[in-house]
PDB file of N, CA and C in Angstrom:
ATOM      1  N   MET A   1       0.842  -1.169   0.000  1.00  0.00           N
ATOM      2  CA  MET A   1       0.000   0.000   0.000  1.00  0.00           C
ATOM      3  C   MET A   1       0.898   1.245   0.000  1.00  0.00           C
ATOM      4  N   PRO A   2       0.695   2.193  -0.916  1.00  0.00           N
ATOM      5  CA  PRO A   2       1.533   3.390  -0.979  1.00  0.00           C
ATOM      6  C   PRO A   2       1.309   4.275   0.254  1.00  0.00           C
ATOM      7  N   PRO A   3       2.338   5.036   0.657  1.00  0.00           N
ATOM      8  CA  PRO A   3       2.176   5.896   1.826  1.00  0.00           C
ATOM      9  C   PRO A   3       1.184   7.015   1.547  1.00  0.00           C
ATOM     10  N   GLY A   4       0.375   7.299   2.522  1.00  0.00           N
ATOM     11  CA  GLY A   4      -0.606   8.367   2.389  1.00  0.00           C
ATOM     12  C   GLY A   4      -1.901   7.926   1.766  1.00  0.00           C
ATOM     13  N   ALA A   5      -1.991   6.695   1.356  1.00  0.00           N
ATOM     14  CA  ALA A   5      -3.242   6.238   0.757  1.00  0.00           C
ATOM     15  C   ALA A   5      -4.245   5.954   1.868  1.00  0.00           C
ATOM     16  N   GLY A   6      -5.464   6.216   1.614  1.00  0.00           N
ATOM     17  CA  GLY A   6      -6.493   5.881   2.573  1.00  0.00           C
ATOM     18  C   GLY A   6      -7.265   7.079   3.095  1.00  0.00           C
ATOM     19  N   TYR A   7      -6.699   8.263   3.006  1.00  0.00           N
ATOM     20  CA  TYR A   7      -7.469   9.425   3.430  1.00  0.00           C
ATOM     21  C   TYR A   7      -7.164  10.590   2.500  1.00  0.00           C
ATOM     22  N   ALA A   8      -8.154  11.430   2.346  1.00  0.00           N
ATOM     23  CA  ALA A   8      -8.023  12.579   1.451  1.00  0.00           C
ATOM     24  C   ALA A   8      -7.652  13.815   2.258  1.00  0.00           C
ATOM     25  N   SER A   9      -7.018  14.741   1.615  1.00  0.00           N
ATOM     26  CA  SER A   9      -6.680  15.986   2.302  1.00  0.00           C
ATOM     27  C   SER A   9      -7.927  16.862   2.418  1.00  0.00           C
ATOM     28  N   ARG A  10      -7.834  17.822   3.309  1.00  0.00           N
ATOM     29  CA  ARG A  10      -8.965  18.732   3.490  1.00  0.00           C
ATOM     30  C   ARG A  10      -9.121  19.601   2.258  1.00  0.00           C
ATOM     31  N   ARG A  11     -10.342  19.897   1.929  1.00  0.00           N
ATOM     32  CA  ARG A  11     -10.587  20.793   0.806  1.00  0.00           C
ATOM     33  C   ARG A  11     -10.651  22.222   1.327  1.00  0.00           C
ATOM     34  N   THR A  12     -10.246  23.140   0.503  1.00  0.00           N
ATOM     35  CA  THR A  12     -10.268  24.559   0.862  1.00  0.00           C
ATOM     36  C   THR A  12     -11.624  25.138   0.502  1.00  0.00           C
ATOM     37  N   ASP A  13     -12.173  25.901   1.408  1.00  0.00           N
ATOM     38  CA  ASP A  13     -13.479  26.510   1.184  1.00  0.00           C
ATOM     39  C   ASP A  13     -13.400  27.530   0.052  1.00  0.00           C
ATOM     40  N   GLY A  14     -14.294  27.423  -0.886  1.00  0.00           N
ATOM     41  CA  GLY A  14     -14.301  28.328  -2.033  1.00  0.00           C
ATOM     42  C   GLY A  14     -14.619  29.760  -1.660  1.00  0.00           C
ATOM     43  N   LEU A  15     -15.434  29.929  -0.619  1.00  0.00           N
ATOM     44  CA  LEU A  15     -15.771  31.267  -0.170  1.00  0.00           C
ATOM     45  C   LEU A  15     -14.549  31.977   0.422  1.00  0.00           C
ATOM     46  N   ALA A  16     -13.642  31.205   1.030  1.00  0.00           N
ATOM     47  CA  ALA A  16     -12.407  31.786   1.557  1.00  0.00           C
ATOM     48  C   ALA A  16     -11.519  32.277   0.423  1.00  0.00           C
ATOM     49  N   ILE A  17     -11.428  31.504  -0.627  1.00  0.00           N
ATOM     50  CA  ILE A  17     -10.619  31.909  -1.785  1.00  0.00           C
ATOM     51  C   ILE A  17     -11.225  33.153  -2.441  1.00  0.00           C
ATOM     52  N   ALA A  18     -12.540  33.166  -2.589  1.00  0.00           N
ATOM     53  CA  ALA A  18     -13.209  34.325  -3.184  1.00  0.00           C
ATOM     54  C   ALA A  18     -13.022  35.565  -2.317  1.00  0.00           C
ATOM     55  N   SER A  19     -13.069  35.404  -1.000  1.00  0.00           N
ATOM     56  CA  SER A  19     -12.861  36.522  -0.090  1.00  0.00           C
ATOM     57  C   SER A  19     -11.454  37.090  -0.253  1.00  0.00           C
ATOM     58  N   LEU A  20     -10.476  36.214  -0.384  1.00  0.00           N
ATOM     59  CA  LEU A  20      -9.094  36.662  -0.568  1.00  0.00           C
ATOM     60  C   LEU A  20      -8.929  37.421  -1.881  1.00  0.00           C
ATOM     61  N   VAL A  21      -9.464  36.883  -2.952  1.00  0.00           N
ATOM     62  CA  VAL A  21      -9.323  37.519  -4.266  1.00  0.00           C
ATOM     63  C   VAL A  21     -10.026  38.878  -4.288  1.00  0.00           C
ATOM     64  N   ILE A  22     -11.242  38.942  -3.772  1.00  0.00           N
ATOM     65  CA  ILE A  22     -11.987  40.203  -3.775  1.00  0.00           C
ATOM     66  C   ILE A  22     -11.328  41.206  -2.826  1.00  0.00           C
ATOM     67  N   GLY A  23     -10.759  40.733  -1.720  1.00  0.00           N
ATOM     68  CA  GLY A  23     -10.038  41.624  -0.816  1.00  0.00           C
ATOM     69  C   GLY A  23      -8.829  42.243  -1.477  1.00  0.00           C
ATOM     70  N   ILE A  24      -8.089  41.439  -2.238  1.00  0.00           N
ATOM     71  CA  ILE A  24      -6.927  41.969  -2.966  1.00  0.00           C
ATOM     72  C   ILE A  24      -7.374  42.991  -4.007  1.00  0.00           C
ATOM     73  N   VAL A  25      -8.417  42.679  -4.746  1.00  0.00           N
ATOM     74  CA  VAL A  25      -8.915  43.607  -5.775  1.00  0.00           C
ATOM     75  C   VAL A  25      -9.408  44.899  -5.136  1.00  0.00           C
ATOM     76  N   SER A  26     -10.086  44.805  -3.979  1.00  0.00           N
ATOM     77  CA  SER A  26     -10.585  46.017  -3.321  1.00  0.00           C
ATOM     78  C   SER A  26      -9.443  46.896  -2.846  1.00  0.00           C
ATOM     79  N   LEU A  27      -8.354  46.306  -2.422  1.00  0.00           N
ATOM     80  CA  LEU A  27      -7.210  47.091  -1.976  1.00  0.00           C
ATOM     81  C   LEU A  27      -6.462  47.708  -3.153  1.00  0.00           C
ATOM     82  N   VAL A  28      -6.298  46.939  -4.224  1.00  0.00           N
ATOM     83  CA  VAL A  28      -5.572  47.443  -5.404  1.00  0.00           C
ATOM     84  C   VAL A  28      -6.338  48.581  -6.073  1.00  0.00           C
ATOM     85  N   PHE A  29      -7.648  48.455  -6.174  1.00  0.00           N
ATOM     86  CA  PHE A  29      -8.448  49.470  -6.865  1.00  0.00           C
ATOM     87  C   PHE A  29      -9.127  50.431  -5.903  1.00  0.00           C
ATOM     88  N   SER A  30      -8.556  50.608  -4.717  1.00  0.00           N
ATOM     89  CA  SER A  30      -9.150  51.536  -3.761  1.00  0.00           C
ATOM     90  C   SER A  30      -9.031  52.985  -4.240  1.00  0.00           C
ATOM     91  N   CYS A  31      -8.048  53.280  -5.085  1.00  0.00           N
ATOM     92  CA  CYS A  31      -7.917  54.646  -5.594  1.00  0.00           C
ATOM     93  C   CYS A  31      -9.040  54.995  -6.576  1.00  0.00           C
ATOM     94  N   PHE A  32      -9.749  54.009  -7.070  1.00  0.00           N
ATOM     95  CA  PHE A  32     -10.910  54.254  -7.931  1.00  0.00           C
ATOM     96  C   PHE A  32     -12.206  54.114  -7.154  1.00  0.00           C
ATOM     97  N   CYS A  33     -12.111  54.050  -5.838  1.00  0.00           N
ATOM     98  CA  CYS A  33     -13.242  53.933  -4.913  1.00  0.00           C
ATOM     99  C   CYS A  33     -14.034  52.640  -5.099  1.00  0.00           C
ATOM    100  N   LEU A  34     -13.442  51.621  -5.700  1.00  0.00           N
ATOM    101  CA  LEU A  34     -14.116  50.327  -5.800  1.00  0.00           C
ATOM    102  C   LEU A  34     -14.109  49.580  -4.479  1.00  0.00           C
ATOM    103  N   GLY A  35     -13.217  49.963  -3.582  1.00  0.00           N
ATOM    104  CA  GLY A  35     -13.141  49.327  -2.282  1.00  0.00           C
ATOM    105  C   GLY A  35     -14.356  49.599  -1.417  1.00  0.00           C
ATOM    106  N   ILE A  36     -15.094  50.654  -1.730  1.00  0.00           N
ATOM    107  CA  ILE A  36     -16.303  50.962  -0.974  1.00  0.00           C
ATOM    108  C   ILE A  36     -17.330  49.857  -1.157  1.00  0.00           C
ATOM    109  N   VAL A  37     -17.367  49.252  -2.321  1.00  0.00           N
ATOM    110  CA  VAL A  37     -18.304  48.158  -2.582  1.00  0.00           C
ATOM    111  C   VAL A  37     -17.646  46.802  -2.345  1.00  0.00           C
ATOM    112  N   LEU A  38     -16.425  46.635  -2.838  1.00  0.00           N
ATOM    113  CA  LEU A  38     -15.768  45.332  -2.760  1.00  0.00           C
ATOM    114  C   LEU A  38     -15.226  45.009  -1.380  1.00  0.00           C
ATOM    115  N   GLY A  39     -14.839  46.020  -0.614  1.00  0.00           N
ATOM    116  CA  GLY A  39     -14.288  45.792   0.717  1.00  0.00           C
ATOM    117  C   GLY A  39     -15.266  45.095   1.649  1.00  0.00           C
ATOM    118  N   PRO A  40     -16.464  45.646   1.829  1.00  0.00           N
ATOM    119  CA  PRO A  40     -17.432  44.957   2.682  1.00  0.00           C
ATOM    120  C   PRO A  40     -17.833  43.580   2.146  1.00  0.00           C
ATOM    121  N   THR A  41     -17.842  43.438   0.830  1.00  0.00           N
ATOM    122  CA  THR A  41     -18.156  42.137   0.248  1.00  0.00           C
ATOM    123  C   THR A  41     -17.119  41.102   0.658  1.00  0.00           C
ATOM    124  N   ALA A  42     -15.846  41.461   0.552  1.00  0.00           N
ATOM    125  CA  ALA A  42     -14.777  40.549   0.947  1.00  0.00           C
ATOM    126  C   ALA A  42     -14.818  40.264   2.444  1.00  0.00           C
ATOM    127  N   ALA A  43     -15.100  41.282   3.245  1.00  0.00           N
ATOM    128  CA  ALA A  43     -15.140  41.103   4.694  1.00  0.00           C
ATOM    129  C   ALA A  43     -16.285  40.176   5.102  1.00  0.00           C
ATOM    130  N   ILE A  44     -17.440  40.365   4.512  1.00  0.00           N
ATOM    131  CA  ILE A  44     -18.589  39.516   4.836  1.00  0.00           C
ATOM    132  C   ILE A  44     -18.340  38.082   4.393  1.00  0.00           C
ATOM    133  N   MET A  45     -17.787  37.923   3.187  1.00  0.00           N
ATOM    134  CA  MET A  45     -17.496  36.572   2.703  1.00  0.00           C
ATOM    135  C   MET A  45     -16.456  35.886   3.577  1.00  0.00           C
ATOM    136  N   GLY A  46     -15.437  36.624   4.016  1.00  0.00           N
ATOM    137  CA  GLY A  46     -14.430  36.064   4.898  1.00  0.00           C
ATOM    138  C   GLY A  46     -15.007  35.667   6.243  1.00  0.00           C
ATOM    139  N   PHE A  47     -15.891  36.493   6.775  1.00  0.00           N
ATOM    140  CA  PHE A  47     -16.518  36.187   8.056  1.00  0.00           C
ATOM    141  C   PHE A  47     -17.392  34.938   7.968  1.00  0.00           C
ATOM    142  N   ILE A  48     -18.200  34.848   6.925  1.00  0.00           N
ATOM    143  CA  ILE A  48     -19.067  33.682   6.734  1.00  0.00           C
ATOM    144  C   ILE A  48     -18.233  32.424   6.508  1.00  0.00           C
ATOM    145  N   SER A  49     -17.164  32.557   5.734  1.00  0.00           N
ATOM    146  CA  SER A  49     -16.303  31.410   5.466  1.00  0.00           C
ATOM    147  C   SER A  49     -15.637  30.908   6.744  1.00  0.00           C
ATOM    148  N   ARG A  50     -15.172  31.839   7.592  1.00  0.00           N
ATOM    149  CA  ARG A  50     -14.560  31.410   8.855  1.00  0.00           C
ATOM    150  C   ARG A  50     -15.566  30.683   9.740  1.00  0.00           C
ATOM    151  N   GLN A  51     -16.813  31.120   9.740  1.00  0.00           N
ATOM    152  CA  GLN A  51     -17.841  30.427  10.516  1.00  0.00           C
ATOM    153  C   GLN A  51     -18.078  29.020   9.977  1.00  0.00           C
ATOM    154  N   LYS A  52     -18.128  28.895   8.639  1.00  0.00           N
ATOM    155  CA  LYS A  52     -18.324  27.572   8.039  1.00  0.00           C
ATOM    156  C   LYS A  52     -17.155  26.651   8.337  1.00  0.00           C
ATOM    157  N   ILE A  53     -15.944  27.177   8.284  1.00  0.00           N
ATOM    158  CA  ILE A  53     -14.749  26.372   8.535  1.00  0.00           C
ATOM    159  C   ILE A  53     -14.711  25.918   9.994  1.00  0.00           C
ATOM    160  N   ASN A  54     -15.037  26.823  10.909  1.00  0.00           N
ATOM    161  CA  ASN A  54     -15.032  26.460  12.323  1.00  0.00           C
ATOM    162  C   ASN A  54     -16.104  25.430  12.663  1.00  0.00           C
ATOM    163  N   SER A  55     -17.246  25.507  11.990  1.00  0.00           N
ATOM    164  CA  SER A  55     -18.323  24.568  12.289  1.00  0.00           C
ATOM    165  C   SER A  55     -18.181  23.242  11.538  1.00  0.00           C
ATOM    166  N   SER A  56     -17.215  23.132  10.626  1.00  0.00           N
ATOM    167  CA  SER A  56     -17.070  21.906   9.849  1.00  0.00           C
ATOM    168  C   SER A  56     -16.341  20.809  10.617  1.00  0.00           C
ATOM    169  N   GLY A  57     -15.735  21.144  11.726  1.00  0.00           N
ATOM    170  CA  GLY A  57     -15.029  20.142  12.508  1.00  0.00           C
ATOM    171  C   GLY A  57     -13.729  19.675  11.881  1.00  0.00           C
ATOM    172  N   GLY A  58     -13.102  20.503  11.086  1.00  0.00           N
ATOM    173  CA  GLY A  58     -11.824  20.152  10.477  1.00  0.00           C
ATOM    174  C   GLY A  58     -11.933  19.542   9.093  1.00  0.00           C
ATOM    175  N   ALA A  59     -13.138  19.399   8.576  1.00  0.00           N
ATOM    176  CA  ALA A  59     -13.312  18.805   7.249  1.00  0.00           C
ATOM    177  C   ALA A  59     -12.990  19.799   6.138  1.00  0.00           C
ATOM    178  N   VAL A  60     -13.118  21.093   6.446  1.00  0.00           N
ATOM    179  CA  VAL A  60     -12.891  22.138   5.445  1.00  0.00           C
ATOM    180  C   VAL A  60     -11.759  23.020   5.948  1.00  0.00           C
ATOM    181  N   GLY A  61     -10.835  23.369   5.069  1.00  0.00           N
ATOM    182  CA  GLY A  61      -9.713  24.231   5.416  1.00  0.00           C
ATOM    183  C   GLY A  61      -9.839  25.592   4.765  1.00  0.00           C
ATOM    184  N   GLY A  62      -8.867  26.439   5.017  1.00  0.00           N
ATOM    185  CA  GLY A  62      -8.833  27.766   4.402  1.00  0.00           C
ATOM    186  C   GLY A  62      -9.144  28.885   5.365  1.00  0.00           C
ATOM    187  N   GLY A  63      -9.004  28.626   6.660  1.00  0.00           N
ATOM    188  CA  GLY A  63      -9.287  29.658   7.648  1.00  0.00           C
ATOM    189  C   GLY A  63      -8.375  30.856   7.530  1.00  0.00           C
ATOM    190  N   THR A  64      -7.117  30.614   7.210  1.00  0.00           N
ATOM    191  CA  THR A  64      -6.168  31.717   7.051  1.00  0.00           C
ATOM    192  C   THR A  64      -6.499  32.549   5.826  1.00  0.00           C
ATOM    193  N   LEU A  65      -6.910  31.893   4.750  1.00  0.00           N
ATOM    194  CA  LEU A  65      -7.307  32.636   3.547  1.00  0.00           C
ATOM    195  C   LEU A  65      -8.509  33.529   3.838  1.00  0.00           C
ATOM    196  N   ALA A  66      -9.465  32.995   4.590  1.00  0.00           N
ATOM    197  CA  ALA A  66     -10.653  33.768   4.934  1.00  0.00           C
ATOM    198  C   ALA A  66     -10.294  34.959   5.812  1.00  0.00           C
ATOM    199  N   LEU A  67      -9.391  34.753   6.768  1.00  0.00           N
ATOM    200  CA  LEU A  67      -8.989  35.842   7.652  1.00  0.00           C
ATOM    201  C   LEU A  67      -8.249  36.936   6.884  1.00  0.00           C
ATOM    202  N   VAL A  68      -7.355  36.541   5.990  1.00  0.00           N
ATOM    203  CA  VAL A  68      -6.626  37.532   5.185  1.00  0.00           C
ATOM    204  C   VAL A  68      -7.590  38.268   4.257  1.00  0.00           C
ATOM    205  N   GLY A  69      -8.552  37.574   3.667  1.00  0.00           N
ATOM    206  CA  GLY A  69      -9.553  38.229   2.831  1.00  0.00           C
ATOM    207  C   GLY A  69     -10.381  39.220   3.619  1.00  0.00           C
ATOM    208  N   LEU A  70     -10.741  38.859   4.844  1.00  0.00           N
ATOM    209  CA  LEU A  70     -11.506  39.753   5.715  1.00  0.00           C
ATOM    210  C   LEU A  70     -10.697  41.009   6.022  1.00  0.00           C
ATOM    211  N   ILE A  71      -9.432  40.845   6.377  1.00  0.00           N
ATOM    212  CA  ILE A  71      -8.576  41.989   6.715  1.00  0.00           C
ATOM    213  C   ILE A  71      -8.339  42.873   5.495  1.00  0.00           C
ATOM    214  N   LEU A  72      -8.056  42.262   4.343  1.00  0.00           N
ATOM    215  CA  LEU A  72      -7.832  43.060   3.131  1.00  0.00           C
ATOM    216  C   LEU A  72      -9.103  43.789   2.706  1.00  0.00           C
ATOM    217  N   GLY A  73     -10.257  43.174   2.917  1.00  0.00           N
ATOM    218  CA  GLY A  73     -11.512  43.848   2.604  1.00  0.00           C
ATOM    219  C   GLY A  73     -11.721  45.079   3.461  1.00  0.00           C
ATOM    220  N   ILE A  74     -11.411  44.962   4.750  1.00  0.00           N
ATOM    221  CA  ILE A  74     -11.531  46.116   5.643  1.00  0.00           C
ATOM    222  C   ILE A  74     -10.541  47.209   5.247  1.00  0.00           C
ATOM    223  N   LEU A  75      -9.302  46.807   4.959  1.00  0.00           N
ATOM    224  CA  LEU A  75      -8.293  47.790   4.548  1.00  0.00           C
ATOM    225  C   LEU A  75      -8.665  48.464   3.224  1.00  0.00           C
ATOM    226  N   GLY A  76      -9.200  47.700   2.276  1.00  0.00           N
ATOM    227  CA  GLY A  76      -9.630  48.277   1.007  1.00  0.00           C
ATOM    228  C   GLY A  76     -10.759  49.271   1.183  1.00  0.00           C
ATOM    229  N   PHE A  77     -11.685  48.956   2.083  1.00  0.00           N
ATOM    230  CA  PHE A  77     -12.797  49.874   2.358  1.00  0.00           C
ATOM    231  C   PHE A  77     -12.284  51.163   2.991  1.00  0.00           C
ATOM    232  N   VAL A  78     -11.428  51.036   4.000  1.00  0.00           N
ATOM    233  CA  VAL A  78     -10.898  52.214   4.684  1.00  0.00           C
ATOM    234  C   VAL A  78     -10.072  53.066   3.725  1.00  0.00           C
ATOM    235  N   ALA A  79      -9.258  52.437   2.888  1.00  0.00           N
ATOM    236  CA  ALA A  79      -8.447  53.181   1.917  1.00  0.00           C
ATOM    237  C   ALA A  79      -9.334  53.903   0.906  1.00  0.00           C
ATOM    238  N   SER A  80     -10.402  53.260   0.460  1.00  0.00           N
ATOM    239  CA  SER A  80     -11.298  53.906  -0.506  1.00  0.00           C
ATOM    240  C   SER A  80     -12.027  55.089   0.102  1.00  0.00           C
ATOM    241  N   VAL A  81     -12.496  54.924   1.324  1.00  0.00           N
ATOM    242  CA  VAL A  81     -13.187  56.035   1.990  1.00  0.00           C
ATOM    243  C   VAL A  81     -12.205  57.186   2.222  1.00  0.00           C
ATOM    244  N   GLY A  82     -10.991  56.860   2.645  1.00  0.00           N
ATOM    245  CA  GLY A  82      -9.981  57.900   2.834  1.00  0.00           C
ATOM    246  C   GLY A  82      -9.650  58.612   1.543  1.00  0.00           C
ATOM    247  N   PHE A  83      -9.527  57.869   0.457  1.00  0.00           N
ATOM    248  CA  PHE A  83      -9.238  58.492  -0.831  1.00  0.00           C
ATOM    249  C   PHE A  83     -10.412  59.349  -1.294  1.00  0.00           C
ATOM    250  N   ALA A  84     -11.636  58.884  -1.079  1.00  0.00           N
ATOM    251  CA  ALA A  84     -12.812  59.666  -1.474  1.00  0.00           C
ATOM    252  C   ALA A  84     -12.905  60.960  -0.672  1.00  0.00           C
ATOM    253  N   LEU A  85     -12.619  60.888   0.637  1.00  0.00           N
ATOM    254  CA  LEU A  85     -12.630  62.102   1.445  1.00  0.00           C
ATOM    255  C   LEU A  85     -11.524  63.061   1.019  1.00  0.00           C
ATOM    256  N   PHE A  86     -10.336  62.529   0.764  1.00  0.00           N
ATOM    257  CA  PHE A  86      -9.238  63.368   0.293  1.00  0.00           C
ATOM    258  C   PHE A  86      -9.602  64.046  -1.021  1.00  0.00           C
ATOM    259  N   TRP A  87     -10.155  63.291  -1.948  1.00  0.00           N
ATOM    260  CA  TRP A  87     -10.534  63.829  -3.254  1.00  0.00           C
ATOM    261  C   TRP A  87     -11.593  64.924  -3.103  1.00  0.00           C
ATOM    262  N   THR A  88     -12.555  64.696  -2.200  1.00  0.00           N
ATOM    263  CA  THR A  88     -13.621  65.678  -1.985  1.00  0.00           C
ATOM    264  C   THR A  88     -13.060  66.976  -1.417  1.00  0.00           C
ATOM    265  N   PHE A  89     -12.239  66.858  -0.373  1.00  0.00           N
ATOM    266  CA  PHE A  89     -11.681  68.063   0.233  1.00  0.00           C
ATOM    267  C   PHE A  89     -10.687  68.756  -0.686  1.00  0.00           C
ATOM    268  N   ALA A  90      -9.923  68.014  -1.432  1.00  0.00           N
ATOM    269  CA  ALA A  90      -8.954  68.611  -2.348  1.00  0.00           C
ATOM    270  C   ALA A  90      -9.656  69.354  -3.476  1.00  0.00           C
ATOM    271  N   SER A  91     -10.769  68.813  -3.959  1.00  0.00           N
ATOM    272  CA  SER A  91     -11.475  69.494  -5.056  1.00  0.00           C
ATOM    273  C   SER A  91     -12.217  70.723  -4.560  1.00  0.00           C
ATOM    274  N   GLN A  92     -12.626  70.745  -3.284  1.00  0.00           N
ATOM    275  CA  GLN A  92     -13.313  71.919  -2.748  1.00  0.00           C
ATOM    276  C   GLN A  92     -12.347  73.062  -2.471  1.00  0.00           C
ATOM    277  N   HIS A  93     -11.121  72.745  -2.103  1.00  0.00           N
ATOM    278  CA  HIS A  93     -10.170  73.772  -1.717  1.00  0.00           C
ATOM    279  C   HIS A  93      -9.182  74.132  -2.818  1.00  0.00           C
ATOM    280  N   SER A  94      -9.411  73.634  -4.000  1.00  0.00           N
ATOM    281  CA  SER A  94      -8.508  74.000  -5.091  1.00  0.00           C
ATOM    282  C   SER A  94      -8.973  75.303  -5.710  1.00  0.00           C
ATOM    283  N   THR A  95      -8.034  76.109  -6.117  1.00  0.00           N
ATOM    284  CA  THR A  95      -8.376  77.384  -6.741  1.00  0.00           C
ATOM    285  C   THR A  95      -8.152  77.252  -8.241  1.00  0.00           C
ATOM    286  N   PRO A  96      -9.127  77.660  -9.006  1.00  0.00           N
ATOM    287  CA  PRO A  96      -8.954  77.582 -10.466  1.00  0.00           C
ATOM    288  C   PRO A  96      -7.978  78.653 -10.926  1.00  0.00           C
ATOM    289  N   THR A  97      -7.197  78.311 -11.907  1.00  0.00           N
ATOM    290  CA  THR A  97      -6.243  79.266 -12.483  1.00  0.00           C
ATOM    291  C   THR A  97      -6.841  79.885 -13.720  1.00  0.00           C
ATOM    292  N   ARG A  98      -6.846  81.206 -13.755  1.00  0.00           N
ATOM    293  CA  ARG A  98      -7.410  81.920 -14.911  1.00  0.00           C
ATOM    294  C   ARG A  98      -6.403  82.859 -15.466  1.00  0.00           C
TER     295      ARG A  98
END
């Protein structure tokens, strides 16, 4: 019998992977204010995925991916809001050149 035969490895939760990918996209495109929509999406997906992973009893993996997706989603949201506020205040206080 070959070594390792007899049991399968844990599968990674797809929602955790999606949370990570959307979190990265929300952080990268935060300068276009896409993080305002994508950030909370990644955070919610990461939170739900972590709950599913914890309740699976070890059958499903990817808790770290879900946590990183949750954190990146929050950071993307905060960066987008900060950029939007900066853009708003900068455009109000700029003087036109004539």
